[in-house]
Amino acid sequence: MIVVGNLVCVTGMVLIGPVPIVGKSHLWLTILAIVILGIGFACSQVPVFRDMLMTARAHGFPDELETHGLISGVYNFFYPFGAFLGAVVGGIISDRIGFRWTCSVIALMVFTMVMVMIIFMLISRHLSHKRKSQDEQDKGSEEIPLK
């Protein structure tokens, strides 16, 4: 869901500028782009907290209130920090190259992040299947003790 949401965000960023390839900006296009961005943000941001909890549990953290508090603290620190940093960097880039090209740069950055996420997920899935098959082989090769 996170990958799909980010791809929807790329579409919204391409239309909101719009990027120079799309053409001239219109009010209806800007409204449509904002709606698309809202849907993309919802799809990409809501599952992040649950995914962080699942990852923490997979790495040995107990499913307790302290773990939920830790994950909540990390999430609630980095989300506004990213919003602040993104606004500052986006403003600097926009001053230098203009809003249309800034939207193009942001869309390219999000698309690159999506590609990295897909590669990471494929590698993780491959390694987990490899570990499972290795565990099954280890279980099958255990010697049965003789009495």
Protein backbone atom coordinates (compact mmCIF):
# COMPACT_ATOMS: atom_id res chain seq x y z
CA MET A 1 0.00 0.00 0.00
CA ILE A 2 2.90 2.34 0.75
CA VAL A 3 4.38 1.81 -2.71
CA VAL A 4 1.02 2.37 -4.43
CA GLY A 5 0.42 5.52 -2.38
CA ASN A 6 3.81 6.91 -3.31
CA LEU A 7 3.19 6.20 -7.00
CA VAL A 8 -0.11 8.07 -6.71
CA CYS A 9 1.84 10.94 -5.09
CA VAL A 10 4.21 10.98 -8.07
CA THR A 11 1.19 11.37 -10.35
CA GLY A 12 -0.10 14.24 -8.21
CA MET A 13 3.28 16.00 -8.24
CA VAL A 14 3.51 15.67 -12.01
CA LEU A 15 0.08 17.29 -12.39
CA ILE A 16 0.30 20.01 -9.72
CA GLY A 17 3.27 21.80 -11.27
CA PRO A 18 2.52 20.74 -13.88
CA VAL A 19 5.82 19.44 -15.11
CA PRO A 20 6.87 21.15 -18.33
CA ILE A 21 5.98 18.10 -20.43
CA VAL A 22 2.30 18.18 -19.33
CA GLY A 23 1.69 21.72 -20.50
CA LYS A 24 -0.03 24.76 -19.06
CA SER A 25 -1.54 24.88 -15.58
CA HIS A 26 -5.32 25.16 -15.16
CA LEU A 27 -7.42 25.50 -12.02
CA TRP A 28 -9.19 22.17 -12.61
CA LEU A 29 -5.82 20.45 -13.07
CA THR A 30 -4.49 21.91 -9.82
CA ILE A 31 -7.62 20.80 -7.92
CA LEU A 32 -7.37 17.31 -9.42
CA ALA A 33 -3.67 17.12 -8.51
CA ILE A 34 -4.38 18.12 -4.90
CA VAL A 35 -7.09 15.45 -4.63
CA ILE A 36 -4.70 12.86 -6.08
CA LEU A 37 -1.96 13.97 -3.66
CA GLY A 38 -4.36 13.64 -0.72
CA ILE A 39 -5.27 10.09 -1.71
CA GLY A 40 -1.61 9.23 -2.27
CA PHE A 41 -0.55 10.64 1.11
CA ALA A 42 -3.31 8.71 2.85
CA CYS A 43 -2.27 5.47 1.17
CA SER A 44 1.43 5.99 1.83
CA GLN A 45 1.43 7.45 5.36
CA VAL A 46 -1.28 5.55 7.25
CA PRO A 47 0.33 2.07 6.95
CA VAL A 48 3.77 3.33 8.05
CA PHE A 49 3.07 3.16 11.80
CA ARG A 50 1.75 -0.41 11.58
CA ASP A 51 4.72 -1.40 9.45
CA MET A 52 7.12 0.11 11.99
CA LEU A 53 5.46 -1.94 14.77
CA MET A 54 5.65 -5.14 12.72
CA THR A 55 9.32 -4.51 11.96
CA ALA A 56 10.10 -3.86 15.62
CA ARG A 57 8.40 -7.14 16.62
CA ALA A 58 10.26 -9.00 13.86
CA HIS A 59 13.54 -7.73 15.33
CA GLY A 60 12.80 -8.97 18.83
CA PHE A 61 10.99 -6.09 20.50
CA PRO A 62 8.15 -7.28 22.74
CA ASP A 63 4.57 -6.39 21.82
CA GLU A 64 4.10 -4.17 24.86
CA LEU A 65 3.09 -0.61 25.64
CA GLU A 66 6.74 0.48 25.87
CA THR A 67 7.41 -0.67 22.31
CA HIS A 68 4.32 1.12 21.04
CA GLY A 69 5.43 4.27 22.88
CA LEU A 70 8.92 4.06 21.41
CA ILE A 71 7.61 3.60 17.87
CA SER A 72 5.09 6.39 18.39
CA GLY A 73 7.82 8.73 19.61
CA VAL A 74 10.07 7.97 16.66
CA TYR A 75 7.19 8.41 14.20
CA ASN A 76 5.95 11.62 15.82
CA PHE A 77 9.47 13.10 15.78
CA PHE A 78 10.46 12.30 12.22
CA TYR A 79 7.14 13.07 10.51
CA PRO A 80 7.10 16.80 11.46
CA PHE A 81 10.88 16.99 11.07
CA GLY A 82 10.49 15.76 7.49
CA ALA A 83 7.66 18.24 6.90
CA PHE A 84 9.89 21.07 8.14
CA LEU A 85 12.97 19.95 6.23
CA GLY A 86 10.94 19.31 3.07
CA ALA A 87 9.43 22.80 3.18
CA VAL A 88 12.82 24.44 3.65
CA VAL A 89 14.60 22.43 0.95
CA GLY A 90 11.59 22.65 -1.38
CA GLY A 91 11.52 26.43 -0.95
CA ILE A 92 15.21 26.74 -1.73
CA ILE A 93 14.88 24.56 -4.82
CA SER A 94 11.75 26.43 -5.92
CA ASP A 95 13.57 29.77 -5.64
CA ARG A 96 16.41 28.46 -7.78
CA ILE A 97 14.62 26.56 -10.57
CA GLY A 98 10.92 27.50 -10.30
CA PHE A 99 7.83 25.70 -9.08
CA ARG A 100 7.24 23.55 -12.18
CA TRP A 101 10.75 22.10 -12.16
CA THR A 102 10.64 21.71 -8.37
CA CYS A 103 7.56 19.51 -8.76
CA SER A 104 9.48 17.52 -11.37
CA VAL A 105 12.44 17.07 -9.01
CA ILE A 106 10.19 15.99 -6.13
CA ALA A 107 8.30 13.56 -8.36
CA LEU A 108 11.62 12.08 -9.52
CA MET A 109 12.84 11.78 -5.92
CA VAL A 110 9.64 10.01 -4.80
CA PHE A 111 9.78 7.72 -7.84
CA THR A 112 13.40 6.86 -7.04
CA MET A 113 12.39 6.11 -3.45
CA VAL A 114 9.63 3.81 -4.73
CA MET A 115 12.15 1.91 -6.87
CA VAL A 116 14.48 1.52 -3.88
CA MET A 117 11.55 0.29 -1.76
CA ILE A 118 10.58 -2.28 -4.39
CA ILE A 119 14.16 -3.55 -4.64
CA PHE A 120 14.39 -3.72 -0.84
CA MET A 121 11.11 -5.65 -0.61
CA LEU A 122 12.18 -8.11 -3.31
CA ILE A 123 15.53 -8.73 -1.63
CA SER A 124 13.88 -9.11 1.79
CA ARG A 125 11.32 -11.54 0.40
CA HIS A 126 14.03 -13.54 -1.35
CA LEU A 127 16.15 -13.73 1.81
CA SER A 128 13.18 -14.75 3.98
CA HIS A 129 12.27 -17.54 1.53
CA LYS A 130 15.90 -18.62 1.50
CA ARG A 131 15.96 -18.68 5.34
CA LYS A 132 12.71 -20.67 5.47
CA SER A 133 13.97 -23.26 3.02
CA GLN A 134 17.26 -23.49 4.94
CA ASP A 135 15.36 -23.97 8.22
CA GLU A 136 13.25 -26.70 6.61
CA GLN A 137 16.39 -28.43 5.35
CA ASP A 138 17.96 -28.18 8.82
CA LYS A 139 14.87 -29.73 10.40
CA GLY A 140 14.84 -32.55 7.85
CA SER A 141 18.52 -33.36 8.30
CA GLU A 142 18.43 -33.66 12.09
CA GLU A 143 19.49 -37.08 13.21
CA ILE A 144 17.00 -39.18 15.09
CA PRO A 145 18.59 -40.41 18.30
CA LEU A 146 18.67 -44.18 18.71
CA LYS A 147 17.60 -45.72 22.00
